[in-house]
Amino acid sequence: MIDRLNHIAIAVPDLAAACAQYRDVLGASVSEPQNLPDHGVTVVFVELSNTKIELLHPLGDKSPIAGFLERNAIGGIHHVCYEVDDIIAARDDLAAKGARVLGDGEPRIGAHGKPVLFLHPKDFCGTLVELEEA
């Protein structure tokens, strides 16, 4: 069902400092910030040859990243994202196997302009999993 690792998301308390660290210290290519009000985040992508790192920063009062950073003040890994061929088929298969899809279970458009879903971390070894349709 899952295919390629699309990205690893890291919540950061200071987006500019995180971008500088990846760009200036590690020599990575870093995108411009993109606000995603529907998700309550500002994202920046660190482009690697085999995947991406997604830097997440809170956007707005109801950002889920704000709560994460309250518990993890210096930031940390927030989720991993895997690609799937058909997000609806993946959702239905996972639900039939007892995995919990967060929210209302309907895909939303993610940062790459493609449908995404999140799976409950308690079902995946404590890791929040995002599925993105390839």
C-alpha atoms as a PDB file:
ATOM      1  CA  MET A   1       0.000   0.000   0.000  1.00  0.00           C
ATOM      2  CA  ILE A   2       2.554   2.624   1.037  1.00  0.00           C
ATOM      3  CA  ASP A   3       5.177   3.461  -1.517  1.00  0.00           C
ATOM      4  CA  ARG A   4       7.843   6.133  -1.370  1.00  0.00           C
ATOM      5  CA  LEU A   5       8.701   8.236   1.678  1.00  0.00           C
ATOM      6  CA  ASN A   6       7.516  11.689   0.618  1.00  0.00           C
ATOM      7  CA  HIS A   7       8.819  13.705   3.559  1.00  0.00           C
ATOM      8  CA  ILE A   8       9.609  13.878   7.241  1.00  0.00           C
ATOM      9  CA  ALA A   9       8.014  16.858   8.983  1.00  0.00           C
ATOM     10  CA  ILE A  10       9.790  18.716  11.764  1.00  0.00           C
ATOM     11  CA  ALA A  11       7.981  21.279  13.918  1.00  0.00           C
ATOM     12  CA  VAL A  12      10.184  24.313  14.569  1.00  0.00           C
ATOM     13  CA  PRO A  13       9.739  27.241  16.969  1.00  0.00           C
ATOM     14  CA  ASP A  14      11.759  29.638  14.748  1.00  0.00           C
ATOM     15  CA  LEU A  15      11.240  29.061  11.037  1.00  0.00           C
ATOM     16  CA  ALA A  16      13.882  31.543   9.851  1.00  0.00           C
ATOM     17  CA  ALA A  17      16.525  30.028  12.130  1.00  0.00           C
ATOM     18  CA  ALA A  18      15.634  26.482  11.012  1.00  0.00           C
ATOM     19  CA  CYS A  19      15.840  27.499   7.343  1.00  0.00           C
ATOM     20  CA  ALA A  20      19.226  29.104   7.930  1.00  0.00           C
ATOM     21  CA  GLN A  21      20.481  25.978   9.719  1.00  0.00           C
ATOM     22  CA  TYR A  22      19.512  23.697   6.831  1.00  0.00           C
ATOM     23  CA  ARG A  23      20.623  26.153   4.125  1.00  0.00           C
ATOM     24  CA  ASP A  24      23.788  27.662   5.616  1.00  0.00           C
ATOM     25  CA  VAL A  25      25.111  24.870   7.834  1.00  0.00           C
ATOM     26  CA  LEU A  26      23.967  21.741   5.991  1.00  0.00           C
ATOM     27  CA  GLY A  27      24.083  23.257   2.477  1.00  0.00           C
ATOM     28  CA  ALA A  28      20.567  22.173   1.522  1.00  0.00           C
ATOM     29  CA  SER A  29      18.191  23.776  -0.947  1.00  0.00           C
ATOM     30  CA  VAL A  30      15.375  25.439   1.033  1.00  0.00           C
ATOM     31  CA  SER A  31      12.071  26.621  -0.472  1.00  0.00           C
ATOM     32  CA  GLU A  32      10.270  29.841   0.304  1.00  0.00           C
ATOM     33  CA  PRO A  33       7.724  29.700   3.161  1.00  0.00           C
ATOM     34  CA  GLN A  34       4.190  28.740   2.166  1.00  0.00           C
ATOM     35  CA  ASN A  35       1.207  29.572   4.402  1.00  0.00           C
ATOM     36  CA  LEU A  36      -1.446  26.856   4.615  1.00  0.00           C
ATOM     37  CA  PRO A  37      -4.284  28.447   6.612  1.00  0.00           C
ATOM     38  CA  ASP A  38      -6.533  25.368   6.260  1.00  0.00           C
ATOM     39  CA  HIS A  39      -3.883  23.333   8.094  1.00  0.00           C
ATOM     40  CA  GLY A  40      -2.777  26.087  10.502  1.00  0.00           C
ATOM     41  CA  VAL A  41       0.863  25.940   9.416  1.00  0.00           C
ATOM     42  CA  THR A  42       3.570  27.678   7.472  1.00  0.00           C
ATOM     43  CA  VAL A  43       5.751  25.151   5.646  1.00  0.00           C
ATOM     44  CA  VAL A  44       9.181  25.210   4.101  1.00  0.00           C
ATOM     45  CA  PHE A  45      10.587  22.282   2.150  1.00  0.00           C
ATOM     46  CA  VAL A  46      14.206  21.232   2.352  1.00  0.00           C
ATOM     47  CA  GLU A  47      14.849  19.442  -0.939  1.00  0.00           C
ATOM     48  CA  LEU A  48      17.051  16.351  -0.819  1.00  0.00           C
ATOM     49  CA  SER A  49      17.943  14.011  -3.675  1.00  0.00           C
ATOM     50  CA  ASN A  50      15.798  11.166  -2.313  1.00  0.00           C
ATOM     51  CA  THR A  51      13.074  12.911  -0.250  1.00  0.00           C
ATOM     52  CA  LYS A  52      12.160  16.167   1.500  1.00  0.00           C
ATOM     53  CA  ILE A  53      12.208  17.557   5.008  1.00  0.00           C
ATOM     54  CA  GLU A  54       9.146  19.679   5.783  1.00  0.00           C
ATOM     55  CA  LEU A  55       9.720  22.405   8.367  1.00  0.00           C
ATOM     56  CA  LEU A  56       6.434  23.283  10.106  1.00  0.00           C
ATOM     57  CA  HIS A  57       5.714  26.479  12.003  1.00  0.00           C
ATOM     58  CA  PRO A  58       2.390  27.494  13.612  1.00  0.00           C
ATOM     59  CA  LEU A  59       0.053  29.750  11.623  1.00  0.00           C
ATOM     60  CA  GLY A  60      -2.888  31.178  13.522  1.00  0.00           C
ATOM     61  CA  ASP A  61      -4.288  30.592  17.000  1.00  0.00           C
ATOM     62  CA  LYS A  62      -5.662  27.108  16.318  1.00  0.00           C
ATOM     63  CA  SER A  63      -2.521  25.623  14.803  1.00  0.00           C
ATOM     64  CA  PRO A  64      -1.913  21.999  15.798  1.00  0.00           C
ATOM     65  CA  ILE A  65       1.804  22.789  15.641  1.00  0.00           C
ATOM     66  CA  ALA A  66       1.452  25.370  18.432  1.00  0.00           C
ATOM     67  CA  GLY A  67       0.252  22.636  20.784  1.00  0.00           C
ATOM     68  CA  PHE A  68       3.088  20.353  19.688  1.00  0.00           C
ATOM     69  CA  LEU A  69       5.632  23.104  20.387  1.00  0.00           C
ATOM     70  CA  GLU A  70       4.109  23.756  23.828  1.00  0.00           C
ATOM     71  CA  ARG A  71       5.007  20.165  24.702  1.00  0.00           C
ATOM     72  CA  ASN A  72       8.301  20.202  22.759  1.00  0.00           C
ATOM     73  CA  ALA A  73       9.721  23.716  23.054  1.00  0.00           C
ATOM     74  CA  ILE A  74      12.761  23.119  20.851  1.00  0.00           C
ATOM     75  CA  GLY A  75      10.692  21.361  18.175  1.00  0.00           C
ATOM     76  CA  GLY A  76      11.058  17.851  16.838  1.00  0.00           C
ATOM     77  CA  ILE A  77       9.787  15.282  14.381  1.00  0.00           C
ATOM     78  CA  HIS A  78       6.052  15.775  13.938  1.00  0.00           C
ATOM     79  CA  HIS A  79       5.109  13.177  11.304  1.00  0.00           C
ATOM     80  CA  VAL A  80       6.244  11.042   8.396  1.00  0.00           C
ATOM     81  CA  CYS A  81       4.505  11.128   5.027  1.00  0.00           C
ATOM     82  CA  TYR A  82       4.208   8.160   2.678  1.00  0.00           C
ATOM     83  CA  GLU A  83       2.844   8.182  -0.836  1.00  0.00           C
ATOM     84  CA  VAL A  84      -0.066   5.970  -1.897  1.00  0.00           C
ATOM     85  CA  ASP A  85      -1.492   5.424  -5.375  1.00  0.00           C
ATOM     86  CA  ASP A  86      -5.141   5.855  -4.381  1.00  0.00           C
ATOM     87  CA  ILE A  87      -5.871   7.652  -1.109  1.00  0.00           C
ATOM     88  CA  ILE A  88      -9.524   6.578  -0.928  1.00  0.00           C
ATOM     89  CA  ALA A  89      -8.645   2.908  -1.466  1.00  0.00           C
ATOM     90  CA  ALA A  90      -5.847   3.225   1.125  1.00  0.00           C
ATOM     91  CA  ARG A  91      -8.236   4.863   3.615  1.00  0.00           C
ATOM     92  CA  ASP A  92     -10.864   2.182   3.157  1.00  0.00           C
ATOM     93  CA  ASP A  93      -8.326  -0.640   3.439  1.00  0.00           C
ATOM     94  CA  LEU A  94      -6.780   0.839   6.578  1.00  0.00           C
ATOM     95  CA  ALA A  95     -10.181   1.407   8.194  1.00  0.00           C
ATOM     96  CA  ALA A  96     -11.123  -2.210   7.461  1.00  0.00           C
ATOM     97  CA  LYS A  97      -7.936  -3.252   9.261  1.00  0.00           C
ATOM     98  CA  GLY A  98      -8.780  -1.101  12.306  1.00  0.00           C
ATOM     99  CA  ALA A  99      -6.500   1.880  11.695  1.00  0.00           C
ATOM    100  CA  ARG A 100      -7.956   5.225  12.717  1.00  0.00           C
ATOM    101  CA  VAL A 101      -8.047   8.094  10.232  1.00  0.00           C
ATOM    102  CA  LEU A 102      -7.974  11.472  11.944  1.00  0.00           C
ATOM    103  CA  GLY A 103     -10.525  14.219  11.318  1.00  0.00           C
ATOM    104  CA  ASP A 104     -13.656  13.406   9.371  1.00  0.00           C
ATOM    105  CA  GLY A 105     -11.891  10.761   7.275  1.00  0.00           C
ATOM    106  CA  GLU A 106     -12.108  12.785   4.081  1.00  0.00           C
ATOM    107  CA  PRO A 107      -8.870  13.782   2.318  1.00  0.00           C
ATOM    108  CA  ARG A 108      -7.818  17.422   2.379  1.00  0.00           C
ATOM    109  CA  ILE A 109      -5.487  19.149  -0.037  1.00  0.00           C
ATOM    110  CA  GLY A 110      -1.954  19.268   1.393  1.00  0.00           C
ATOM    111  CA  ALA A 111       1.097  21.447   0.785  1.00  0.00           C
ATOM    112  CA  HIS A 112       1.872  19.755  -2.544  1.00  0.00           C
ATOM    113  CA  GLY A 113      -1.642  20.332  -3.871  1.00  0.00           C
ATOM    114  CA  LYS A 114      -2.520  16.643  -3.506  1.00  0.00           C
ATOM    115  CA  PRO A 115      -5.036  14.841  -1.252  1.00  0.00           C
ATOM    116  CA  VAL A 116      -3.725  13.872   2.199  1.00  0.00           C
ATOM    117  CA  LEU A 117      -4.971  12.008   5.279  1.00  0.00           C
ATOM    118  CA  PHE A 118      -3.470  11.550   8.737  1.00  0.00           C
ATOM    119  CA  LEU A 119      -3.487   8.311  10.718  1.00  0.00           C
ATOM    120  CA  HIS A 120      -3.641   8.105  14.503  1.00  0.00           C
ATOM    121  CA  PRO A 121      -0.167   7.795  16.066  1.00  0.00           C
ATOM    122  CA  LYS A 122      -1.364   5.177  18.572  1.00  0.00           C
ATOM    123  CA  ASP A 123      -1.940   2.820  15.636  1.00  0.00           C
ATOM    124  CA  PHE A 124       1.612   3.284  14.239  1.00  0.00           C
ATOM    125  CA  CYS A 125       4.153   2.938  17.049  1.00  0.00           C
ATOM    126  CA  GLY A 126       3.531   6.447  18.370  1.00  0.00           C
ATOM    127  CA  THR A 127       4.172   8.088  14.989  1.00  0.00           C
ATOM    128  CA  LEU A 128       1.711  10.415  13.281  1.00  0.00           C
ATOM    129  CA  VAL A 129       1.495   9.172   9.678  1.00  0.00           C
ATOM    130  CA  GLU A 130       0.415  11.271   6.723  1.00  0.00           C
ATOM    131  CA  LEU A 131      -0.650   9.618   3.483  1.00  0.00           C
ATOM    132  CA  GLU A 132      -0.401  11.616   0.271  1.00  0.00           C
ATOM    133  CA  GLU A 133      -1.825  10.514  -3.048  1.00  0.00           C
ATOM    134  CA  ALA A 134       1.009  10.262  -5.574  1.00  0.00           C
END
